[in-house]
Amino acid sequence: MIRRLALVLILAAGSATAAPLDILVEEQAREEFGATLPEQGTFNVTLSTAPVEEAMVVSAYWMDPATGQFVANVLTEAGVQHRIAGFAIYTVPVPVPARRLMSGEVISESDLGSIDMPLSRIGSFAIADAAGLIGMEVKSLLAQGRPIMAQSVQQPLVIARGQEVSIRYDDGRLALTAPGRALRDAHKGQEIKVVNLSSNATVTGTASGDGTVEVRR
């Protein structure tokens, strides 16, 4: 368990008022996590040991960020110190499939729901931004109600093998276009080889969202 002391240096007589314990614990937990907390989310504080309902200040605080378990000392208005304990769990809204999504489907807004999950259970590869999922293609089956991993979705297919495309070259000074034919499927932003139908030369470029291929030197 990680130990941290939150010592009160000054408590002006009559200038402070008592506050509920869950509010005091949340303040300490937010300080423990610091800037690592996502903007959207809430702390759920559960007290397993609470001899008082309110206190003036937390005089000492220990917390395990991995589990949310904490132990703290609090001071009442009468100057009496009490030991409290419990859990401070940070939960965040996570987009999840509202139904089972199969490989090849393109995600729409109606395909997504949301659940609140403890931050420690989400994992670093789960996608937390629902807006970023809309329009993405499902790469592997997505189960209903489960967080969506980044490796399970991809940009949709924008060019199919054999499709006629527009090859575009633009270095800021010179802009050229030529007809071409794709030699493979490509998703948006993916590298692709195409045949320049004007010169019969094979070039490599990047598939863009409108079906063109951007070529750079």
N, C-alpha and C. Protein backbone atom coordinates (compact mmCIF):
# COMPACT_ATOMS: atom_id res chain seq x y z
N MET A 1 0.84 -1.20 0.00
CA MET A 1 0.00 0.00 0.00
C MET A 1 0.87 1.24 0.00
N ILE A 2 0.51 2.17 -0.83
CA ILE A 2 1.27 3.42 -0.92
C ILE A 2 0.82 4.34 0.20
N ARG A 3 1.79 4.87 0.91
CA ARG A 3 1.49 5.73 2.05
C ARG A 3 1.73 7.18 1.67
N ARG A 4 0.77 8.02 2.05
CA ARG A 4 0.94 9.44 1.81
C ARG A 4 0.32 10.20 2.95
N LEU A 5 1.00 11.22 3.46
CA LEU A 5 0.49 12.03 4.55
C LEU A 5 -0.04 13.34 4.01
N ALA A 6 -1.23 13.73 4.46
CA ALA A 6 -1.80 15.02 4.10
C ALA A 6 -1.91 15.82 5.39
N LEU A 7 -0.87 16.49 5.78
CA LEU A 7 -0.80 17.20 7.05
C LEU A 7 -1.38 18.59 6.93
N VAL A 8 -2.13 19.00 7.91
CA VAL A 8 -2.69 20.33 7.94
C VAL A 8 -1.73 21.25 8.68
N LEU A 9 -1.29 22.31 7.98
CA LEU A 9 -0.34 23.22 8.59
C LEU A 9 -1.04 24.31 9.39
N ILE A 10 -2.17 24.80 8.84
CA ILE A 10 -2.87 25.88 9.52
C ILE A 10 -4.36 25.61 9.48
N LEU A 11 -5.02 25.73 10.62
CA LEU A 11 -6.47 25.61 10.68
C LEU A 11 -6.96 26.76 11.55
N ALA A 12 -7.36 27.84 10.88
CA ALA A 12 -7.75 29.04 11.62
C ALA A 12 -9.04 28.78 12.38
N ALA A 13 -9.05 29.10 13.65
CA ALA A 13 -10.20 28.85 14.51
C ALA A 13 -11.42 29.60 13.97
N GLY A 14 -12.51 28.87 13.79
CA GLY A 14 -13.76 29.47 13.35
C GLY A 14 -13.84 29.72 11.87
N SER A 15 -12.77 29.52 11.09
CA SER A 15 -12.80 29.83 9.65
C SER A 15 -13.16 28.62 8.81
N ALA A 16 -13.12 27.41 9.38
CA ALA A 16 -13.43 26.20 8.64
C ALA A 16 -14.69 25.56 9.19
N THR A 17 -15.39 24.81 8.34
CA THR A 17 -16.59 24.11 8.76
C THR A 17 -16.42 22.63 8.46
N ALA A 18 -17.16 21.81 9.17
CA ALA A 18 -17.08 20.37 8.97
C ALA A 18 -17.69 19.99 7.63
N ALA A 19 -17.18 18.91 7.03
CA ALA A 19 -17.67 18.43 5.74
C ALA A 19 -17.91 16.93 5.82
N PRO A 20 -18.82 16.39 4.99
CA PRO A 20 -19.04 14.94 4.96
C PRO A 20 -17.75 14.20 4.63
N LEU A 21 -17.61 13.02 5.20
CA LEU A 21 -16.37 12.26 5.02
C LEU A 21 -16.10 11.90 3.56
N ASP A 22 -17.17 11.59 2.79
CA ASP A 22 -16.93 11.19 1.40
C ASP A 22 -16.34 12.33 0.57
N ILE A 23 -16.72 13.57 0.89
CA ILE A 23 -16.16 14.72 0.19
C ILE A 23 -14.68 14.90 0.54
N LEU A 24 -14.37 14.75 1.82
CA LEU A 24 -12.97 14.89 2.24
C LEU A 24 -12.10 13.80 1.64
N VAL A 25 -12.62 12.57 1.58
CA VAL A 25 -11.86 11.46 1.01
C VAL A 25 -11.66 11.67 -0.49
N GLU A 26 -12.69 12.14 -1.19
CA GLU A 26 -12.56 12.39 -2.63
C GLU A 26 -11.47 13.43 -2.92
N GLU A 27 -11.42 14.48 -2.11
CA GLU A 27 -10.39 15.50 -2.30
C GLU A 27 -9.00 14.89 -2.19
N GLN A 28 -8.81 14.02 -1.20
CA GLN A 28 -7.51 13.38 -1.01
C GLN A 28 -7.20 12.41 -2.15
N ALA A 29 -8.22 11.67 -2.62
CA ALA A 29 -8.01 10.71 -3.70
C ALA A 29 -7.63 11.42 -4.99
N ARG A 30 -8.29 12.55 -5.28
CA ARG A 30 -7.96 13.30 -6.50
C ARG A 30 -6.51 13.80 -6.43
N GLU A 31 -6.10 14.22 -5.25
CA GLU A 31 -4.71 14.68 -5.10
C GLU A 31 -3.74 13.52 -5.28
N GLU A 32 -4.15 12.33 -4.85
CA GLU A 32 -3.30 11.15 -4.99
C GLU A 32 -3.05 10.81 -6.46
N PHE A 33 -4.11 10.85 -7.26
CA PHE A 33 -3.99 10.51 -8.68
C PHE A 33 -3.42 11.66 -9.50
N GLY A 34 -3.73 12.89 -9.12
CA GLY A 34 -3.20 14.05 -9.83
C GLY A 34 -3.72 14.14 -11.25
N ALA A 35 -2.84 14.52 -12.18
CA ALA A 35 -3.23 14.78 -13.56
C ALA A 35 -3.50 13.51 -14.36
N THR A 36 -3.31 12.33 -13.77
CA THR A 36 -3.52 11.09 -14.51
C THR A 36 -5.00 10.74 -14.66
N LEU A 37 -5.88 11.41 -13.91
CA LEU A 37 -7.30 11.10 -13.99
C LEU A 37 -7.91 11.62 -15.29
N PRO A 38 -8.72 10.82 -15.99
CA PRO A 38 -9.46 11.33 -17.14
C PRO A 38 -10.42 12.43 -16.69
N GLU A 39 -10.73 13.35 -17.61
CA GLU A 39 -11.61 14.46 -17.26
C GLU A 39 -13.01 13.98 -16.90
N GLN A 40 -13.54 13.04 -17.67
CA GLN A 40 -14.88 12.54 -17.39
C GLN A 40 -14.80 11.35 -16.45
N GLY A 41 -15.52 11.44 -15.37
CA GLY A 41 -15.51 10.36 -14.39
C GLY A 41 -15.89 10.88 -13.01
N THR A 42 -16.19 9.94 -12.12
CA THR A 42 -16.57 10.30 -10.76
C THR A 42 -15.96 9.32 -9.77
N PHE A 43 -15.72 9.80 -8.57
CA PHE A 43 -15.28 8.94 -7.49
C PHE A 43 -16.48 8.39 -6.75
N ASN A 44 -16.48 7.10 -6.51
CA ASN A 44 -17.48 6.46 -5.65
C ASN A 44 -16.78 6.07 -4.36
N VAL A 45 -17.12 6.76 -3.29
CA VAL A 45 -16.48 6.53 -1.99
C VAL A 45 -17.37 5.66 -1.13
N THR A 46 -16.83 4.54 -0.67
CA THR A 46 -17.53 3.63 0.23
C THR A 46 -16.76 3.56 1.54
N LEU A 47 -17.42 3.84 2.63
CA LEU A 47 -16.78 3.82 3.95
C LEU A 47 -17.12 2.52 4.66
N SER A 48 -16.10 1.76 5.01
CA SER A 48 -16.31 0.52 5.76
C SER A 48 -16.16 0.75 7.26
N THR A 49 -15.39 1.79 7.62
CA THR A 49 -15.21 2.18 9.03
C THR A 49 -15.38 3.68 9.10
N ALA A 50 -16.43 4.13 9.81
CA ALA A 50 -16.71 5.56 9.90
C ALA A 50 -17.41 5.88 11.23
N PRO A 51 -16.65 6.11 12.28
CA PRO A 51 -17.25 6.41 13.59
C PRO A 51 -17.94 7.77 13.65
N VAL A 52 -17.67 8.64 12.67
CA VAL A 52 -18.31 9.95 12.59
C VAL A 52 -18.80 10.17 11.17
N GLU A 53 -19.71 11.12 10.99
CA GLU A 53 -20.24 11.42 9.65
C GLU A 53 -19.54 12.60 9.00
N GLU A 54 -19.03 13.53 9.81
CA GLU A 54 -18.37 14.72 9.30
C GLU A 54 -17.07 14.96 10.04
N ALA A 55 -16.19 15.72 9.40
CA ALA A 55 -14.92 16.07 10.03
C ALA A 55 -14.45 17.41 9.49
N MET A 56 -13.52 18.00 10.20
CA MET A 56 -12.97 19.28 9.78
C MET A 56 -11.91 19.11 8.70
N VAL A 57 -11.09 18.06 8.85
CA VAL A 57 -9.94 17.91 7.98
C VAL A 57 -9.41 16.50 8.03
N VAL A 58 -8.76 16.08 6.96
CA VAL A 58 -8.04 14.80 6.94
C VAL A 58 -6.61 15.08 7.36
N SER A 59 -6.18 14.49 8.46
CA SER A 59 -4.84 14.77 8.97
C SER A 59 -3.80 13.78 8.46
N ALA A 60 -4.24 12.62 8.01
CA ALA A 60 -3.31 11.64 7.42
C ALA A 60 -4.09 10.75 6.48
N TYR A 61 -3.44 10.33 5.40
CA TYR A 61 -4.16 9.59 4.36
C TYR A 61 -3.22 8.59 3.70
N TRP A 62 -3.66 7.34 3.61
CA TRP A 62 -2.90 6.30 2.91
C TRP A 62 -3.82 5.66 1.88
N MET A 63 -3.31 5.41 0.69
CA MET A 63 -4.16 4.86 -0.37
C MET A 63 -3.38 3.94 -1.30
N ASP A 64 -4.04 2.89 -1.76
CA ASP A 64 -3.51 2.02 -2.81
C ASP A 64 -4.25 2.37 -4.10
N PRO A 65 -3.63 3.12 -5.02
CA PRO A 65 -4.33 3.54 -6.24
C PRO A 65 -4.83 2.38 -7.09
N ALA A 66 -4.18 1.23 -7.02
CA ALA A 66 -4.57 0.09 -7.86
C ALA A 66 -5.93 -0.48 -7.45
N THR A 67 -6.23 -0.45 -6.16
CA THR A 67 -7.49 -1.02 -5.68
C THR A 67 -8.47 0.03 -5.18
N GLY A 68 -7.98 1.23 -4.89
CA GLY A 68 -8.82 2.27 -4.34
C GLY A 68 -8.99 2.19 -2.84
N GLN A 69 -8.38 1.20 -2.21
CA GLN A 69 -8.52 1.05 -0.76
C GLN A 69 -7.75 2.16 -0.04
N PHE A 70 -8.35 2.71 1.00
CA PHE A 70 -7.71 3.79 1.73
C PHE A 70 -7.92 3.64 3.24
N VAL A 71 -7.02 4.27 3.98
CA VAL A 71 -7.14 4.43 5.43
C VAL A 71 -6.78 5.88 5.72
N ALA A 72 -7.53 6.53 6.60
CA ALA A 72 -7.27 7.94 6.87
C ALA A 72 -7.56 8.28 8.32
N ASN A 73 -6.93 9.33 8.79
CA ASN A 73 -7.24 9.93 10.08
C ASN A 73 -7.95 11.25 9.83
N VAL A 74 -9.02 11.49 10.55
CA VAL A 74 -9.76 12.75 10.40
C VAL A 74 -9.92 13.40 11.78
N LEU A 75 -10.02 14.73 11.76
CA LEU A 75 -10.21 15.51 12.98
C LEU A 75 -11.59 16.14 12.97
N THR A 76 -12.31 15.99 14.08
CA THR A 76 -13.63 16.60 14.22
C THR A 76 -13.50 18.02 14.76
N GLU A 77 -14.64 18.71 14.82
CA GLU A 77 -14.65 20.07 15.36
C GLU A 77 -14.16 20.11 16.79
N ALA A 78 -14.38 19.01 17.50
CA ALA A 78 -13.94 18.95 18.90
C ALA A 78 -12.46 18.66 19.03
N GLY A 79 -11.78 18.47 17.91
CA GLY A 79 -10.35 18.19 17.93
C GLY A 79 -10.03 16.73 18.20
N VAL A 80 -11.05 15.86 18.07
CA VAL A 80 -10.84 14.42 18.31
C VAL A 80 -10.48 13.74 16.99
N GLN A 81 -9.46 12.90 17.04
CA GLN A 81 -9.03 12.19 15.84
C GLN A 81 -9.71 10.83 15.74
N HIS A 82 -10.15 10.49 14.53
CA HIS A 82 -10.79 9.19 14.29
C HIS A 82 -10.13 8.54 13.08
N ARG A 83 -10.09 7.22 13.09
CA ARG A 83 -9.58 6.44 11.96
C ARG A 83 -10.76 5.97 11.10
N ILE A 84 -10.69 6.24 9.80
CA ILE A 84 -11.70 5.75 8.87
C ILE A 84 -11.03 4.92 7.79
N ALA A 85 -11.82 4.08 7.12
CA ALA A 85 -11.28 3.23 6.05
C ALA A 85 -12.37 2.94 5.05
N GLY A 86 -11.97 2.50 3.87
CA GLY A 86 -12.93 2.15 2.83
C GLY A 86 -12.30 2.11 1.46
N PHE A 87 -13.10 2.43 0.44
CA PHE A 87 -12.64 2.40 -0.94
C PHE A 87 -13.05 3.68 -1.65
N ALA A 88 -12.15 4.21 -2.48
CA ALA A 88 -12.44 5.36 -3.34
C ALA A 88 -12.16 4.91 -4.78
N ILE A 89 -13.21 4.53 -5.49
CA ILE A 89 -13.08 3.96 -6.84
C ILE A 89 -13.48 5.00 -7.87
N TYR A 90 -12.58 5.27 -8.82
CA TYR A 90 -12.86 6.24 -9.88
C TYR A 90 -13.46 5.50 -11.06
N THR A 91 -14.69 5.87 -11.44
CA THR A 91 -15.36 5.25 -12.57
C THR A 91 -15.51 6.24 -13.71
N VAL A 92 -15.42 5.73 -14.93
CA VAL A 92 -15.53 6.58 -16.13
C VAL A 92 -16.51 5.94 -17.10
N PRO A 93 -17.22 6.77 -17.89
CA PRO A 93 -18.12 6.21 -18.92
C PRO A 93 -17.31 5.65 -20.08
N VAL A 94 -17.64 4.45 -20.50
CA VAL A 94 -16.91 3.77 -21.58
C VAL A 94 -17.91 3.36 -22.66
N PRO A 95 -17.63 3.68 -23.93
CA PRO A 95 -18.53 3.23 -25.01
C PRO A 95 -18.42 1.72 -25.20
N VAL A 96 -19.57 1.08 -25.37
CA VAL A 96 -19.62 -0.36 -25.61
C VAL A 96 -20.63 -0.65 -26.70
N PRO A 97 -20.51 -1.78 -27.40
CA PRO A 97 -21.51 -2.12 -28.41
C PRO A 97 -22.88 -2.35 -27.78
N ALA A 98 -23.92 -1.78 -28.41
CA ALA A 98 -25.29 -2.00 -27.93
C ALA A 98 -25.81 -3.35 -28.43
N ARG A 99 -25.11 -3.95 -29.36
CA ARG A 99 -25.43 -5.27 -29.89
C ARG A 99 -24.14 -5.92 -30.35
N ARG A 100 -24.20 -7.17 -30.68
CA ARG A 100 -23.01 -7.85 -31.20
C ARG A 100 -22.68 -7.29 -32.58
N LEU A 101 -21.42 -6.90 -32.77
CA LEU A 101 -21.00 -6.34 -34.05
C LEU A 101 -20.02 -7.30 -34.72
N MET A 102 -20.31 -7.61 -35.97
CA MET A 102 -19.51 -8.59 -36.70
C MET A 102 -18.42 -7.90 -37.51
N SER A 103 -17.40 -8.68 -37.85
CA SER A 103 -16.30 -8.19 -38.66
C SER A 103 -16.81 -7.64 -39.98
N GLY A 104 -16.33 -6.45 -40.36
CA GLY A 104 -16.73 -5.83 -41.61
C GLY A 104 -17.82 -4.79 -41.46
N GLU A 105 -18.54 -4.79 -40.32
CA GLU A 105 -19.58 -3.79 -40.11
C GLU A 105 -18.95 -2.43 -39.81
N VAL A 106 -19.64 -1.38 -40.22
CA VAL A 106 -19.21 -0.01 -39.93
C VAL A 106 -20.04 0.50 -38.76
N ILE A 107 -19.39 1.00 -37.74
CA ILE A 107 -20.05 1.40 -36.51
C ILE A 107 -20.80 2.72 -36.69
N SER A 108 -22.06 2.73 -36.29
CA SER A 108 -22.86 3.96 -36.29
C SER A 108 -23.16 4.36 -34.85
N GLU A 109 -23.70 5.54 -34.68
CA GLU A 109 -24.01 6.04 -33.34
C GLU A 109 -25.00 5.13 -32.62
N SER A 110 -25.97 4.58 -33.36
CA SER A 110 -26.98 3.71 -32.76
C SER A 110 -26.42 2.36 -32.31
N ASP A 111 -25.22 2.02 -32.78
CA ASP A 111 -24.59 0.75 -32.40
C ASP A 111 -23.92 0.82 -31.04
N LEU A 112 -23.82 2.02 -30.46
CA LEU A 112 -23.05 2.21 -29.23
C LEU A 112 -23.93 2.56 -28.04
N GLY A 113 -23.56 2.01 -26.90
CA GLY A 113 -24.13 2.40 -25.62
C GLY A 113 -23.00 2.85 -24.72
N SER A 114 -23.25 2.92 -23.43
CA SER A 114 -22.22 3.37 -22.50
C SER A 114 -22.43 2.71 -21.15
N ILE A 115 -21.34 2.33 -20.51
CA ILE A 115 -21.39 1.81 -19.15
C ILE A 115 -20.32 2.50 -18.32
N ASP A 116 -20.52 2.57 -17.02
CA ASP A 116 -19.52 3.12 -16.12
C ASP A 116 -18.66 1.98 -15.59
N MET A 117 -17.34 2.15 -15.70
CA MET A 117 -16.42 1.11 -15.26
C MET A 117 -15.32 1.71 -14.40
N PRO A 118 -14.83 0.95 -13.42
CA PRO A 118 -13.67 1.42 -12.66
C PRO A 118 -12.49 1.64 -13.59
N LEU A 119 -11.78 2.73 -13.39
CA LEU A 119 -10.65 3.06 -14.25
C LEU A 119 -9.63 1.95 -14.29
N SER A 120 -9.41 1.28 -13.18
CA SER A 120 -8.38 0.24 -13.10
C SER A 120 -8.73 -1.00 -13.92
N ARG A 121 -9.99 -1.14 -14.34
CA ARG A 121 -10.42 -2.34 -15.08
C ARG A 121 -10.51 -2.11 -16.58
N ILE A 122 -10.33 -0.87 -17.01
CA ILE A 122 -10.54 -0.57 -18.43
C ILE A 122 -9.38 -1.03 -19.29
N GLY A 123 -8.15 -0.82 -18.85
CA GLY A 123 -7.00 -1.20 -19.66
C GLY A 123 -6.57 -0.08 -20.58
N SER A 124 -5.31 -0.10 -20.93
CA SER A 124 -4.74 1.00 -21.71
C SER A 124 -5.15 0.97 -23.18
N PHE A 125 -5.69 -0.16 -23.67
CA PHE A 125 -6.02 -0.26 -25.09
C PHE A 125 -7.51 -0.09 -25.37
N ALA A 126 -8.32 0.13 -24.34
CA ALA A 126 -9.75 0.34 -24.53
C ALA A 126 -9.99 1.76 -25.05
N ILE A 127 -10.93 1.89 -25.98
CA ILE A 127 -11.26 3.20 -26.57
C ILE A 127 -12.30 3.88 -25.69
N ALA A 128 -11.98 5.09 -25.22
CA ALA A 128 -12.86 5.81 -24.30
C ALA A 128 -13.68 6.88 -25.00
N ASP A 129 -13.35 7.21 -26.25
CA ASP A 129 -14.03 8.28 -26.98
C ASP A 129 -15.02 7.69 -27.98
N ALA A 130 -16.32 7.82 -27.67
CA ALA A 130 -17.34 7.24 -28.55
C ALA A 130 -17.32 7.89 -29.93
N ALA A 131 -17.08 9.20 -29.98
CA ALA A 131 -17.08 9.90 -31.27
C ALA A 131 -16.03 9.34 -32.21
N GLY A 132 -14.90 8.90 -31.65
CA GLY A 132 -13.83 8.35 -32.47
C GLY A 132 -14.14 6.98 -33.03
N LEU A 133 -15.20 6.32 -32.52
CA LEU A 133 -15.57 4.99 -33.00
C LEU A 133 -16.56 5.04 -34.15
N ILE A 134 -17.34 6.11 -34.23
CA ILE A 134 -18.36 6.21 -35.28
C ILE A 134 -17.69 6.29 -36.66
N GLY A 135 -18.11 5.42 -37.55
CA GLY A 135 -17.52 5.37 -38.89
C GLY A 135 -16.37 4.40 -39.02
N MET A 136 -15.93 3.80 -37.89
CA MET A 136 -14.85 2.82 -37.94
C MET A 136 -15.40 1.45 -38.35
N GLU A 137 -14.56 0.65 -38.97
CA GLU A 137 -14.94 -0.69 -39.39
C GLU A 137 -14.51 -1.71 -38.34
N VAL A 138 -15.40 -2.65 -38.06
CA VAL A 138 -15.09 -3.71 -37.09
C VAL A 138 -14.10 -4.68 -37.71
N LYS A 139 -13.00 -4.88 -37.00
CA LYS A 139 -11.94 -5.77 -37.48
C LYS A 139 -12.14 -7.19 -36.96
N SER A 140 -12.55 -7.33 -35.72
CA SER A 140 -12.86 -8.63 -35.13
C SER A 140 -14.10 -8.48 -34.27
N LEU A 141 -14.82 -9.57 -34.07
CA LEU A 141 -16.13 -9.55 -33.41
C LEU A 141 -16.10 -8.76 -32.11
N LEU A 142 -17.13 -7.90 -31.93
CA LEU A 142 -17.26 -7.10 -30.72
C LEU A 142 -18.47 -7.58 -29.94
N ALA A 143 -18.26 -8.00 -28.70
CA ALA A 143 -19.34 -8.50 -27.87
C ALA A 143 -20.16 -7.35 -27.28
N GLN A 144 -21.44 -7.56 -27.15
CA GLN A 144 -22.32 -6.55 -26.58
C GLN A 144 -21.92 -6.24 -25.13
N GLY A 145 -21.84 -4.94 -24.83
CA GLY A 145 -21.59 -4.51 -23.45
C GLY A 145 -20.17 -4.62 -22.98
N ARG A 146 -19.22 -4.92 -23.87
CA ARG A 146 -17.82 -5.04 -23.49
C ARG A 146 -17.02 -3.88 -24.07
N PRO A 147 -16.01 -3.36 -23.34
CA PRO A 147 -15.17 -2.28 -23.89
C PRO A 147 -14.55 -2.69 -25.22
N ILE A 148 -14.35 -1.70 -26.08
CA ILE A 148 -13.82 -1.95 -27.43
C ILE A 148 -12.33 -1.66 -27.45
N MET A 149 -11.55 -2.65 -27.80
CA MET A 149 -10.11 -2.50 -27.86
C MET A 149 -9.69 -1.83 -29.18
N ALA A 150 -8.64 -1.04 -29.12
CA ALA A 150 -8.17 -0.30 -30.30
C ALA A 150 -7.83 -1.24 -31.45
N GLN A 151 -7.31 -2.41 -31.14
CA GLN A 151 -6.91 -3.35 -32.20
C GLN A 151 -8.10 -4.07 -32.83
N SER A 152 -9.32 -3.84 -32.30
CA SER A 152 -10.50 -4.52 -32.82
C SER A 152 -11.24 -3.73 -33.89
N VAL A 153 -10.81 -2.49 -34.14
CA VAL A 153 -11.45 -1.66 -35.16
C VAL A 153 -10.38 -1.06 -36.07
N GLN A 154 -10.80 -0.60 -37.22
CA GLN A 154 -9.88 0.02 -38.17
C GLN A 154 -10.64 1.00 -39.05
N GLN A 155 -9.91 1.84 -39.74
CA GLN A 155 -10.54 2.73 -40.69
C GLN A 155 -11.24 1.90 -41.77
N PRO A 156 -12.39 2.35 -42.28
CA PRO A 156 -13.11 1.56 -43.28
C PRO A 156 -12.37 1.47 -44.60
N LEU A 157 -12.72 0.46 -45.38
CA LEU A 157 -12.13 0.27 -46.71
C LEU A 157 -12.57 1.41 -47.62
N VAL A 158 -11.61 2.11 -48.22
CA VAL A 158 -11.95 3.22 -49.11
C VAL A 158 -11.56 2.95 -50.55
N ILE A 159 -10.71 1.95 -50.77
CA ILE A 159 -10.29 1.57 -52.12
C ILE A 159 -10.30 0.05 -52.23
N ALA A 160 -10.89 -0.46 -53.29
CA ALA A 160 -10.92 -1.89 -53.52
C ALA A 160 -9.92 -2.27 -54.61
N ARG A 161 -9.40 -3.47 -54.53
CA ARG A 161 -8.46 -3.95 -55.54
C ARG A 161 -9.11 -3.89 -56.93
N GLY A 162 -8.37 -3.35 -57.91
CA GLY A 162 -8.86 -3.23 -59.27
C GLY A 162 -9.65 -1.95 -59.52
N GLN A 163 -9.93 -1.21 -58.46
CA GLN A 163 -10.71 0.03 -58.62
C GLN A 163 -9.88 1.11 -59.30
N GLU A 164 -10.54 1.89 -60.17
CA GLU A 164 -9.87 3.03 -60.76
C GLU A 164 -9.80 4.16 -59.74
N VAL A 165 -8.63 4.75 -59.61
CA VAL A 165 -8.42 5.79 -58.61
C VAL A 165 -7.78 7.01 -59.27
N SER A 166 -7.74 8.08 -58.52
CA SER A 166 -7.05 9.29 -58.98
C SER A 166 -5.75 9.41 -58.19
N ILE A 167 -4.63 9.39 -58.90
CA ILE A 167 -3.33 9.55 -58.26
C ILE A 167 -3.03 11.04 -58.18
N ARG A 168 -2.71 11.50 -56.98
CA ARG A 168 -2.48 12.93 -56.79
C ARG A 168 -1.11 13.16 -56.17
N TYR A 169 -0.35 14.07 -56.79
CA TYR A 169 0.96 14.46 -56.27
C TYR A 169 0.94 15.96 -56.03
N ASP A 170 1.30 16.37 -54.82
CA ASP A 170 1.30 17.79 -54.49
C ASP A 170 2.40 18.04 -53.46
N ASP A 171 3.44 18.78 -53.88
CA ASP A 171 4.54 19.09 -52.95
C ASP A 171 4.48 20.55 -52.48
N GLY A 172 3.35 21.21 -52.73
CA GLY A 172 3.21 22.61 -52.34
C GLY A 172 3.55 23.58 -53.44
N ARG A 173 4.35 23.14 -54.37
CA ARG A 173 4.73 23.98 -55.52
C ARG A 173 4.16 23.43 -56.82
N LEU A 174 4.07 22.11 -56.90
CA LEU A 174 3.60 21.45 -58.11
C LEU A 174 2.51 20.45 -57.74
N ALA A 175 1.38 20.51 -58.44
CA ALA A 175 0.28 19.60 -58.19
C ALA A 175 -0.05 18.87 -59.49
N LEU A 176 -0.03 17.54 -59.46
CA LEU A 176 -0.31 16.72 -60.63
C LEU A 176 -1.33 15.65 -60.27
N THR A 177 -2.14 15.27 -61.25
CA THR A 177 -3.07 14.15 -61.07
C THR A 177 -2.96 13.23 -62.28
N ALA A 178 -3.24 11.94 -62.05
CA ALA A 178 -3.21 10.96 -63.14
C ALA A 178 -4.16 9.83 -62.80
N PRO A 179 -4.72 9.17 -63.80
CA PRO A 179 -5.59 8.02 -63.53
C PRO A 179 -4.75 6.81 -63.12
N GLY A 180 -5.30 6.00 -62.27
CA GLY A 180 -4.57 4.82 -61.82
C GLY A 180 -5.52 3.67 -61.51
N ARG A 181 -4.95 2.50 -61.23
CA ARG A 181 -5.73 1.33 -60.85
C ARG A 181 -5.09 0.69 -59.61
N ALA A 182 -5.91 0.43 -58.59
CA ALA A 182 -5.41 -0.11 -57.33
C ALA A 182 -5.00 -1.57 -57.49
N LEU A 183 -3.87 -1.93 -56.89
CA LEU A 183 -3.38 -3.31 -56.94
C LEU A 183 -3.80 -4.11 -55.72
N ARG A 184 -4.47 -3.46 -54.75
CA ARG A 184 -4.92 -4.15 -53.55
C ARG A 184 -5.99 -3.30 -52.85
N ASP A 185 -6.68 -3.89 -51.91
CA ASP A 185 -7.61 -3.13 -51.06
C ASP A 185 -6.81 -2.22 -50.15
N ALA A 186 -7.45 -1.12 -49.71
CA ALA A 186 -6.77 -0.23 -48.77
C ALA A 186 -7.79 0.49 -47.90
N HIS A 187 -7.43 0.63 -46.63
CA HIS A 187 -8.21 1.41 -45.70
C HIS A 187 -7.67 2.84 -45.67
N LYS A 188 -8.48 3.74 -45.16
CA LYS A 188 -8.06 5.14 -45.10
C LYS A 188 -6.75 5.26 -44.33
N GLY A 189 -5.78 5.97 -44.95
CA GLY A 189 -4.49 6.17 -44.32
C GLY A 189 -3.50 5.05 -44.54
N GLN A 190 -3.91 4.00 -45.22
CA GLN A 190 -3.05 2.83 -45.46
C GLN A 190 -2.22 3.02 -46.73
N GLU A 191 -1.01 2.47 -46.71
CA GLU A 191 -0.15 2.53 -47.89
C GLU A 191 -0.67 1.55 -48.94
N ILE A 192 -0.62 1.96 -50.22
CA ILE A 192 -1.16 1.13 -51.30
C ILE A 192 -0.34 1.33 -52.57
N LYS A 193 -0.20 0.25 -53.36
CA LYS A 193 0.46 0.33 -54.66
C LYS A 193 -0.59 0.44 -55.75
N VAL A 194 -0.37 1.34 -56.69
CA VAL A 194 -1.29 1.54 -57.82
C VAL A 194 -0.49 1.64 -59.10
N VAL A 195 -1.16 1.32 -60.20
CA VAL A 195 -0.54 1.46 -61.52
C VAL A 195 -0.99 2.77 -62.13
N ASN A 196 -0.03 3.59 -62.53
CA ASN A 196 -0.33 4.83 -63.24
C ASN A 196 -0.73 4.44 -64.67
N LEU A 197 -1.99 4.67 -65.03
CA LEU A 197 -2.48 4.24 -66.33
C LEU A 197 -1.94 5.09 -67.47
N SER A 198 -1.36 6.23 -67.15
CA SER A 198 -0.78 7.07 -68.20
C SER A 198 0.61 6.61 -68.57
N SER A 199 1.40 6.16 -67.57
CA SER A 199 2.78 5.76 -67.82
C SER A 199 3.01 4.26 -67.65
N ASN A 200 1.99 3.54 -67.13
CA ASN A 200 2.09 2.12 -66.83
C ASN A 200 3.12 1.82 -65.75
N ALA A 201 3.50 2.83 -64.98
CA ALA A 201 4.46 2.64 -63.88
C ALA A 201 3.69 2.38 -62.58
N THR A 202 4.31 1.59 -61.71
CA THR A 202 3.72 1.30 -60.40
C THR A 202 4.26 2.28 -59.37
N VAL A 203 3.36 2.91 -58.65
CA VAL A 203 3.76 3.87 -57.62
C VAL A 203 3.11 3.49 -56.30
N THR A 204 3.67 4.00 -55.21
CA THR A 204 3.15 3.73 -53.87
C THR A 204 2.67 5.04 -53.25
N GLY A 205 1.48 5.01 -52.70
CA GLY A 205 0.94 6.21 -52.07
C GLY A 205 0.09 5.85 -50.85
N THR A 206 -0.67 6.85 -50.38
CA THR A 206 -1.51 6.67 -49.21
C THR A 206 -2.97 6.87 -49.60
N ALA A 207 -3.82 5.91 -49.23
CA ALA A 207 -5.24 6.00 -49.55
C ALA A 207 -5.90 7.08 -48.70
N SER A 208 -6.61 7.98 -49.35
CA SER A 208 -7.31 9.03 -48.62
C SER A 208 -8.80 8.70 -48.54
N GLY A 209 -9.53 9.50 -47.75
CA GLY A 209 -10.92 9.20 -47.51
C GLY A 209 -11.81 9.29 -48.74
N ASP A 210 -11.42 10.06 -49.74
CA ASP A 210 -12.28 10.23 -50.93
C ASP A 210 -11.89 9.28 -52.06
N GLY A 211 -11.09 8.29 -51.76
CA GLY A 211 -10.74 7.29 -52.79
C GLY A 211 -9.57 7.66 -53.65
N THR A 212 -8.92 8.78 -53.38
CA THR A 212 -7.72 9.15 -54.13
C THR A 212 -6.49 8.59 -53.43
N VAL A 213 -5.39 8.58 -54.16
CA VAL A 213 -4.12 8.10 -53.62
C VAL A 213 -3.12 9.25 -53.64
N GLU A 214 -2.64 9.60 -52.47
CA GLU A 214 -1.68 10.70 -52.34
C GLU A 214 -0.26 10.12 -52.45
N VAL A 215 0.51 10.68 -53.39
CA VAL A 215 1.89 10.23 -53.62
C VAL A 215 2.84 11.35 -53.23
N ARG A 216 3.84 11.01 -52.42
CA ARG A 216 4.83 11.99 -52.01
C ARG A 216 6.21 11.38 -52.21
N ARG A 217 7.17 12.26 -52.50
CA ARG A 217 8.55 11.80 -52.65
C ARG A 217 9.23 11.76 -51.30
